[in-house]
């Protein structure tokens, strides 16, 4: 039967089709719940990966800016000099 053909169903047939559709949906709900849980877990994993990557970028930027600062370089040299003089 093509989609253009009109189907004349009795009230009983319509009710029977509705019942079949309802039964189909109800039988798939448990599968959909599992899929939903799976998708939510994947989303949380991806969000945490993105947060971790963002934190690593921020830390790298902070370290890079500290190395570029001449005052930090001088303090580092003085600290290393003190460490070397304290060695016996």
C-alpha atoms as a PDB file:
ATOM      1  CA  UNK A   1       0.000   0.000   0.000  1.00  0.00           C
ATOM      2  CA  UNK A   2       1.473   3.361  -0.994  1.00  0.00           C
ATOM      3  CA  UNK A   3       1.428   6.423   1.208  1.00  0.00           C
ATOM      4  CA  UNK A   4      -1.001   8.044  -1.198  1.00  0.00           C
ATOM      5  CA  UNK A   5      -3.669   5.400  -0.726  1.00  0.00           C
ATOM      6  CA  UNK A   6      -6.226   6.134   1.925  1.00  0.00           C
ATOM      7  CA  UNK A   7      -6.908   3.454   4.447  1.00  0.00           C
ATOM      8  CA  UNK A   8     -10.287   3.225   6.050  1.00  0.00           C
ATOM      9  CA  UNK A   9      -9.945   1.481   9.368  1.00  0.00           C
ATOM     10  CA  UNK A  10     -12.676   0.604  11.757  1.00  0.00           C
ATOM     11  CA  UNK A  11     -12.569   1.958  15.302  1.00  0.00           C
ATOM     12  CA  UNK A  12     -11.457  -1.459  16.503  1.00  0.00           C
ATOM     13  CA  UNK A  13      -8.617  -1.585  13.975  1.00  0.00           C
ATOM     14  CA  UNK A  14      -7.471   1.898  14.940  1.00  0.00           C
ATOM     15  CA  UNK A  15      -7.489   0.908  18.593  1.00  0.00           C
ATOM     16  CA  UNK A  16      -5.599  -2.274  17.789  1.00  0.00           C
ATOM     17  CA  UNK A  17      -2.901  -0.303  15.933  1.00  0.00           C
ATOM     18  CA  UNK A  18      -2.622   2.156  18.815  1.00  0.00           C
ATOM     19  CA  UNK A  19      -2.210  -0.732  21.214  1.00  0.00           C
ATOM     20  CA  UNK A  20       0.506  -2.232  19.022  1.00  0.00           C
ATOM     21  CA  UNK A  21       2.367   1.082  18.858  1.00  0.00           C
ATOM     22  CA  UNK A  22       2.057   1.569  22.607  1.00  0.00           C
ATOM     23  CA  UNK A  23       3.341  -1.955  23.219  1.00  0.00           C
ATOM     24  CA  UNK A  24       6.270  -1.300  20.884  1.00  0.00           C
ATOM     25  CA  UNK A  25       7.229   1.911  22.692  1.00  0.00           C
ATOM     26  CA  UNK A  26       6.870   0.325  26.111  1.00  0.00           C
ATOM     27  CA  UNK A  27       9.083  -2.592  25.098  1.00  0.00           C
ATOM     28  CA  UNK A  28      11.829  -0.184  24.004  1.00  0.00           C
ATOM     29  CA  UNK A  29      11.828   2.092  27.049  1.00  0.00           C
ATOM     30  CA  UNK A  30      14.264  -0.073  29.003  1.00  0.00           C
ATOM     31  CA  UNK A  31      16.706  -0.022  26.069  1.00  0.00           C
ATOM     32  CA  UNK A  32      16.377   3.715  25.720  1.00  0.00           C
ATOM     33  CA  UNK A  33      17.074   4.208  29.438  1.00  0.00           C
ATOM     34  CA  UNK A  34      20.290   2.234  29.102  1.00  0.00           C
ATOM     35  CA  UNK A  35      21.251   4.276  26.055  1.00  0.00           C
ATOM     36  CA  UNK A  36      20.474   7.510  27.901  1.00  0.00           C
ATOM     37  CA  UNK A  37      22.671   6.489  30.828  1.00  0.00           C
ATOM     38  CA  UNK A  38      25.450   5.554  28.390  1.00  0.00           C
ATOM     39  CA  UNK A  39      25.229   8.901  26.581  1.00  0.00           C
ATOM     40  CA  UNK A  40      25.181  10.845  29.873  1.00  0.00           C
ATOM     41  CA  UNK A  41      28.288   9.017  31.069  1.00  0.00           C
ATOM     42  CA  UNK A  42      30.068   9.722  27.794  1.00  0.00           C
ATOM     43  CA  UNK A  43      29.153  13.386  28.100  1.00  0.00           C
ATOM     44  CA  UNK A  44      30.548  13.577  31.635  1.00  0.00           C
ATOM     45  CA  UNK A  45      33.765  11.895  30.530  1.00  0.00           C
ATOM     46  CA  UNK A  46      34.218  14.332  27.645  1.00  0.00           C
ATOM     47  CA  UNK A  47      33.453  17.326  29.885  1.00  0.00           C
ATOM     48  CA  UNK A  48      36.055  16.171  32.418  1.00  0.00           C
ATOM     49  CA  UNK A  49      38.634  15.641  29.677  1.00  0.00           C
ATOM     50  CA  UNK A  50      38.008  19.149  28.401  1.00  0.00           C
ATOM     51  CA  UNK A  51      38.329  20.604  31.913  1.00  0.00           C
ATOM     52  CA  UNK A  52      41.574  18.720  32.511  1.00  0.00           C
ATOM     53  CA  UNK A  53      42.998  19.899  29.182  1.00  0.00           C
ATOM     54  CA  UNK A  54      41.985  23.475  29.936  1.00  0.00           C
ATOM     55  CA  UNK A  55      43.704  23.295  33.329  1.00  0.00           C
ATOM     56  CA  UNK A  56      46.878  21.971  31.702  1.00  0.00           C
ATOM     57  CA  UNK A  57      46.865  24.837  29.213  1.00  0.00           C
ATOM     58  CA  UNK A  58      46.445  27.388  32.006  1.00  0.00           C
ATOM     59  CA  UNK A  59      49.301  25.854  34.001  1.00  0.00           C
ATOM     60  CA  UNK A  60      51.535  25.840  30.922  1.00  0.00           C
ATOM     61  CA  UNK A  61      50.725  29.505  30.273  1.00  0.00           C
ATOM     62  CA  UNK A  62      51.519  30.434  33.876  1.00  0.00           C
ATOM     63  CA  UNK A  63      54.862  28.616  33.774  1.00  0.00           C
ATOM     64  CA  UNK A  64      55.725  30.180  30.425  1.00  0.00           C
ATOM     65  CA  UNK A  65      54.962  33.677  31.686  1.00  0.00           C
ATOM     66  CA  UNK A  66      57.081  33.093  34.792  1.00  0.00           C
ATOM     67  CA  UNK A  67      60.073  31.985  32.730  1.00  0.00           C
ATOM     68  CA  UNK A  68      59.834  35.091  30.558  1.00  0.00           C
ATOM     69  CA  UNK A  69      59.923  37.414  33.572  1.00  0.00           C
ATOM     70  CA  UNK A  70      63.531  38.631  34.178  1.00  0.00           C
ATOM     71  CA  UNK A  71      62.874  39.095  37.913  1.00  0.00           C
ATOM     72  CA  UNK A  72      61.908  35.423  38.179  1.00  0.00           C
ATOM     73  CA  UNK A  73      65.021  34.409  36.290  1.00  0.00           C
ATOM     74  CA  UNK A  74      67.210  36.457  38.665  1.00  0.00           C
ATOM     75  CA  UNK A  75      65.483  34.956  41.727  1.00  0.00           C
ATOM     76  CA  UNK A  76      66.016  31.489  40.277  1.00  0.00           C
ATOM     77  CA  UNK A  77      69.712  32.150  39.751  1.00  0.00           C
ATOM     78  CA  UNK A  78      70.118  33.471  43.310  1.00  0.00           C
ATOM     79  CA  UNK A  79      68.291  30.461  44.725  1.00  0.00           C
ATOM     80  CA  UNK A  80      70.489  28.060  42.783  1.00  0.00           C
ATOM     81  CA  UNK A  81      73.581  29.976  43.904  1.00  0.00           C
ATOM     82  CA  UNK A  82      72.518  29.615  47.541  1.00  0.00           C
ATOM     83  CA  UNK A  83      71.898  25.920  47.065  1.00  0.00           C
ATOM     84  CA  UNK A  84      75.369  25.481  45.611  1.00  0.00           C
ATOM     85  CA  UNK A  85      77.063  27.394  48.459  1.00  0.00           C
ATOM     86  CA  UNK A  86      75.216  25.354  51.113  1.00  0.00           C
ATOM     87  CA  UNK A  87      76.426  22.030  49.684  1.00  0.00           C
ATOM     88  CA  UNK A  88      79.274  20.466  51.597  1.00  0.00           C
END
